[in-house]
Amino acid sequence: MLPPSVMQALRKNKMLQYGVPMLLLIVGGSFGLREFSQIRYDAVQKKIDPELEKRLKMNKVSLESEYEKMKECTFEDWIIQGPRPWEDPNLLQGRNPETLKTKTT
C-alpha cells in the first residue's frame, strides 16, 4: 500500500485526474465506432444474416406508400395540442369548444 503523501500527490495530479479518463474515452470510442461502422459496411455488402434481412424486408416502408397514406388523411384527424398551463383549459388553441363540436358533426 502506498503512503498517504503519495496518495495525495496522485489525487492532485491533473494528468491522472483529467488526462487518463479522456484518453480512455478517445481510445474506447474509436473501438466502438469501428464496430458500428463494420455493421453498416456488412449490411451494404450483403454480408448480413439472412434471417435479419428477411425481417428488414418485411418492415420496409416506401416513400410512395407513406405518401398515399398522407393523401387520405384530413387535417381534422391530426392531434390538437392541449392547453398550456397559462391558457384557459376550456378553450383548445384559443378556439371555442362549441365551434369544434359543430365542425365534427
C-alpha atoms as a PDB file:
ATOM      1  CA  MET A   1       0.000   0.000   0.000  1.00  0.00           C
ATOM      2  CA  LEU A   2       1.187   3.487  -0.827  1.00  0.00           C
ATOM      3  CA  PRO A   3       1.958   6.058   1.854  1.00  0.00           C
ATOM      4  CA  PRO A   4      -0.625   8.827   2.362  1.00  0.00           C
ATOM      5  CA  SER A   5       1.664  11.525   0.957  1.00  0.00           C
ATOM      6  CA  VAL A   6       1.955   9.615  -2.337  1.00  0.00           C
ATOM      7  CA  MET A   7      -1.794   9.104  -2.481  1.00  0.00           C
ATOM      8  CA  GLN A   8      -2.388  12.829  -2.020  1.00  0.00           C
ATOM      9  CA  ALA A   9       0.108  13.593  -4.762  1.00  0.00           C
ATOM     10  CA  LEU A  10      -1.666  11.186  -7.132  1.00  0.00           C
ATOM     11  CA  ARG A  11      -5.072  12.740  -6.346  1.00  0.00           C
ATOM     12  CA  LYS A  12      -3.746  16.224  -7.105  1.00  0.00           C
ATOM     13  CA  ASN A  13      -2.097  15.154 -10.359  1.00  0.00           C
ATOM     14  CA  LYS A  14      -4.068  16.747 -13.233  1.00  0.00           C
ATOM     15  CA  MET A  15      -2.885  14.160 -15.761  1.00  0.00           C
ATOM     16  CA  LEU A  16      -4.360  11.311 -13.755  1.00  0.00           C
ATOM     17  CA  GLN A  17      -7.481  13.282 -12.895  1.00  0.00           C
ATOM     18  CA  TYR A  18      -8.380  14.529 -16.388  1.00  0.00           C
ATOM     19  CA  GLY A  19      -5.926  13.142 -18.949  1.00  0.00           C
ATOM     20  CA  VAL A  20      -6.286   9.403 -18.392  1.00  0.00           C
ATOM     21  CA  PRO A  21     -10.121   9.390 -18.492  1.00  0.00           C
ATOM     22  CA  MET A  22     -10.004  11.492 -21.662  1.00  0.00           C
ATOM     23  CA  LEU A  23      -7.568   9.120 -23.339  1.00  0.00           C
ATOM     24  CA  LEU A  24      -9.692   6.136 -22.303  1.00  0.00           C
ATOM     25  CA  LEU A  25     -12.761   7.822 -23.777  1.00  0.00           C
ATOM     26  CA  ILE A  26     -10.999   8.548 -27.080  1.00  0.00           C
ATOM     27  CA  VAL A  27      -9.498   5.062 -27.448  1.00  0.00           C
ATOM     28  CA  GLY A  28     -12.684   3.297 -26.291  1.00  0.00           C
ATOM     29  CA  GLY A  29     -14.815   5.452 -28.588  1.00  0.00           C
ATOM     30  CA  SER A  30     -12.696   4.585 -31.596  1.00  0.00           C
ATOM     31  CA  PHE A  31     -13.181   0.866 -30.936  1.00  0.00           C
ATOM     32  CA  GLY A  32     -16.932   1.368 -30.510  1.00  0.00           C
ATOM     33  CA  LEU A  33     -17.196   3.369 -33.734  1.00  0.00           C
ATOM     34  CA  ARG A  34     -15.256   0.692 -35.571  1.00  0.00           C
ATOM     35  CA  GLU A  35     -17.783  -1.950 -34.537  1.00  0.00           C
ATOM     36  CA  PHE A  36     -20.795   0.139 -35.572  1.00  0.00           C
ATOM     37  CA  SER A  37     -19.160   1.053 -38.872  1.00  0.00           C
ATOM     38  CA  GLN A  38     -18.398  -2.588 -39.572  1.00  0.00           C
ATOM     39  CA  ILE A  39     -22.080  -3.477 -39.139  1.00  0.00           C
ATOM     40  CA  ARG A  40     -23.042  -0.755 -41.613  1.00  0.00           C
ATOM     41  CA  TYR A  41     -20.489  -1.893 -44.217  1.00  0.00           C
ATOM     42  CA  ASP A  42     -21.548  -5.516 -43.841  1.00  0.00           C
ATOM     43  CA  ALA A  43     -25.156  -4.519 -44.489  1.00  0.00           C
ATOM     44  CA  VAL A  44     -24.161  -2.603 -47.631  1.00  0.00           C
ATOM     45  CA  GLN A  45     -22.067  -5.507 -48.923  1.00  0.00           C
ATOM     46  CA  LYS A  46     -24.878  -8.014 -48.205  1.00  0.00           C
ATOM     47  CA  LYS A  47     -22.923  -9.870 -45.543  1.00  0.00           C
ATOM     48  CA  ILE A  48     -25.919  -9.580 -43.279  1.00  0.00           C
ATOM     49  CA  ASP A  49     -27.620 -12.515 -41.586  1.00  0.00           C
ATOM     50  CA  PRO A  50     -30.378 -13.932 -43.886  1.00  0.00           C
ATOM     51  CA  GLU A  51     -32.923 -14.032 -41.052  1.00  0.00           C
ATOM     52  CA  LEU A  52     -32.251 -10.391 -40.195  1.00  0.00           C
ATOM     53  CA  GLU A  53     -32.507  -9.479 -43.872  1.00  0.00           C
ATOM     54  CA  LYS A  54     -35.962 -11.093 -44.066  1.00  0.00           C
ATOM     55  CA  ARG A  55     -37.157  -9.098 -41.052  1.00  0.00           C
ATOM     56  CA  LEU A  56     -35.828  -5.870 -42.560  1.00  0.00           C
ATOM     57  CA  LYS A  57     -37.616  -6.525 -45.850  1.00  0.00           C
ATOM     58  CA  MET A  58     -40.902  -7.243 -44.064  1.00  0.00           C
ATOM     59  CA  ASN A  59     -40.774  -3.927 -42.192  1.00  0.00           C
ATOM     60  CA  LYS A  60     -39.615  -1.890 -45.169  1.00  0.00           C
ATOM     61  CA  VAL A  61     -41.718   1.207 -45.808  1.00  0.00           C
ATOM     62  CA  SER A  62     -41.597   3.005 -49.123  1.00  0.00           C
ATOM     63  CA  LEU A  63     -41.982   6.701 -49.689  1.00  0.00           C
ATOM     64  CA  GLU A  64     -44.851   6.126 -52.097  1.00  0.00           C
ATOM     65  CA  SER A  65     -46.871   4.106 -49.579  1.00  0.00           C
ATOM     66  CA  GLU A  66     -46.439   6.806 -46.933  1.00  0.00           C
ATOM     67  CA  TYR A  67     -47.473   9.462 -49.468  1.00  0.00           C
ATOM     68  CA  GLU A  68     -50.671   7.547 -50.257  1.00  0.00           C
ATOM     69  CA  LYS A  69     -51.479   7.342 -46.538  1.00  0.00           C
ATOM     70  CA  MET A  70     -50.964  11.093 -46.159  1.00  0.00           C
ATOM     71  CA  LYS A  71     -53.186  11.867 -49.153  1.00  0.00           C
ATOM     72  CA  GLU A  72     -56.077  10.027 -47.498  1.00  0.00           C
ATOM     73  CA  CYS A  73     -55.680  11.922 -44.189  1.00  0.00           C
ATOM     74  CA  THR A  74     -57.513  15.100 -43.418  1.00  0.00           C
ATOM     75  CA  PHE A  75     -56.267  17.824 -41.123  1.00  0.00           C
ATOM     76  CA  GLU A  76     -59.176  17.295 -38.717  1.00  0.00           C
ATOM     77  CA  ASP A  77     -57.746  13.860 -37.821  1.00  0.00           C
ATOM     78  CA  TRP A  78     -54.464  15.312 -36.613  1.00  0.00           C
ATOM     79  CA  ILE A  79     -53.628  15.746 -32.935  1.00  0.00           C
ATOM     80  CA  ILE A  80     -54.587  19.095 -31.437  1.00  0.00           C
ATOM     81  CA  GLN A  81     -52.268  20.485 -28.798  1.00  0.00           C
ATOM     82  CA  GLY A  82     -53.755  20.716 -25.345  1.00  0.00           C
ATOM     83  CA  PRO A  83     -53.850  23.933 -23.374  1.00  0.00           C
ATOM     84  CA  ARG A  84     -50.676  25.285 -21.857  1.00  0.00           C
ATOM     85  CA  PRO A  85     -50.622  25.969 -18.101  1.00  0.00           C
ATOM     86  CA  TRP A  86     -51.266  29.693 -18.631  1.00  0.00           C
ATOM     87  CA  GLU A  87     -54.129  29.150 -21.129  1.00  0.00           C
ATOM     88  CA  ASP A  88     -57.795  28.606 -20.333  1.00  0.00           C
ATOM     89  CA  PRO A  89     -58.385  24.806 -20.243  1.00  0.00           C
ATOM     90  CA  ASN A  90     -61.923  25.261 -21.608  1.00  0.00           C
ATOM     91  CA  LEU A  91     -60.527  26.518 -24.901  1.00  0.00           C
ATOM     92  CA  LEU A  92     -58.467  24.453 -27.310  1.00  0.00           C
ATOM     93  CA  GLN A  93     -55.747  26.502 -29.002  1.00  0.00           C
ATOM     94  CA  GLY A  94     -57.725  29.676 -28.498  1.00  0.00           C
ATOM     95  CA  ARG A  95     -60.862  28.275 -30.188  1.00  0.00           C
ATOM     96  CA  ASN A  96     -64.284  27.906 -28.672  1.00  0.00           C
ATOM     97  CA  PRO A  97     -65.243  24.251 -27.976  1.00  0.00           C
ATOM     98  CA  GLU A  98     -68.748  24.852 -29.394  1.00  0.00           C
ATOM     99  CA  THR A  99     -67.270  25.701 -32.793  1.00  0.00           C
ATOM    100  CA  LEU A 100     -65.249  22.481 -32.716  1.00  0.00           C
ATOM    101  CA  LYS A 101     -68.417  20.452 -31.986  1.00  0.00           C
ATOM    102  CA  THR A 102     -70.251  21.970 -34.939  1.00  0.00           C
ATOM    103  CA  LYS A 103     -67.352  21.164 -37.293  1.00  0.00           C
ATOM    104  CA  THR A 104     -67.189  17.473 -36.324  1.00  0.00           C
ATOM    105  CA  THR A 105     -70.956  16.812 -36.606  1.00  0.00           C
END
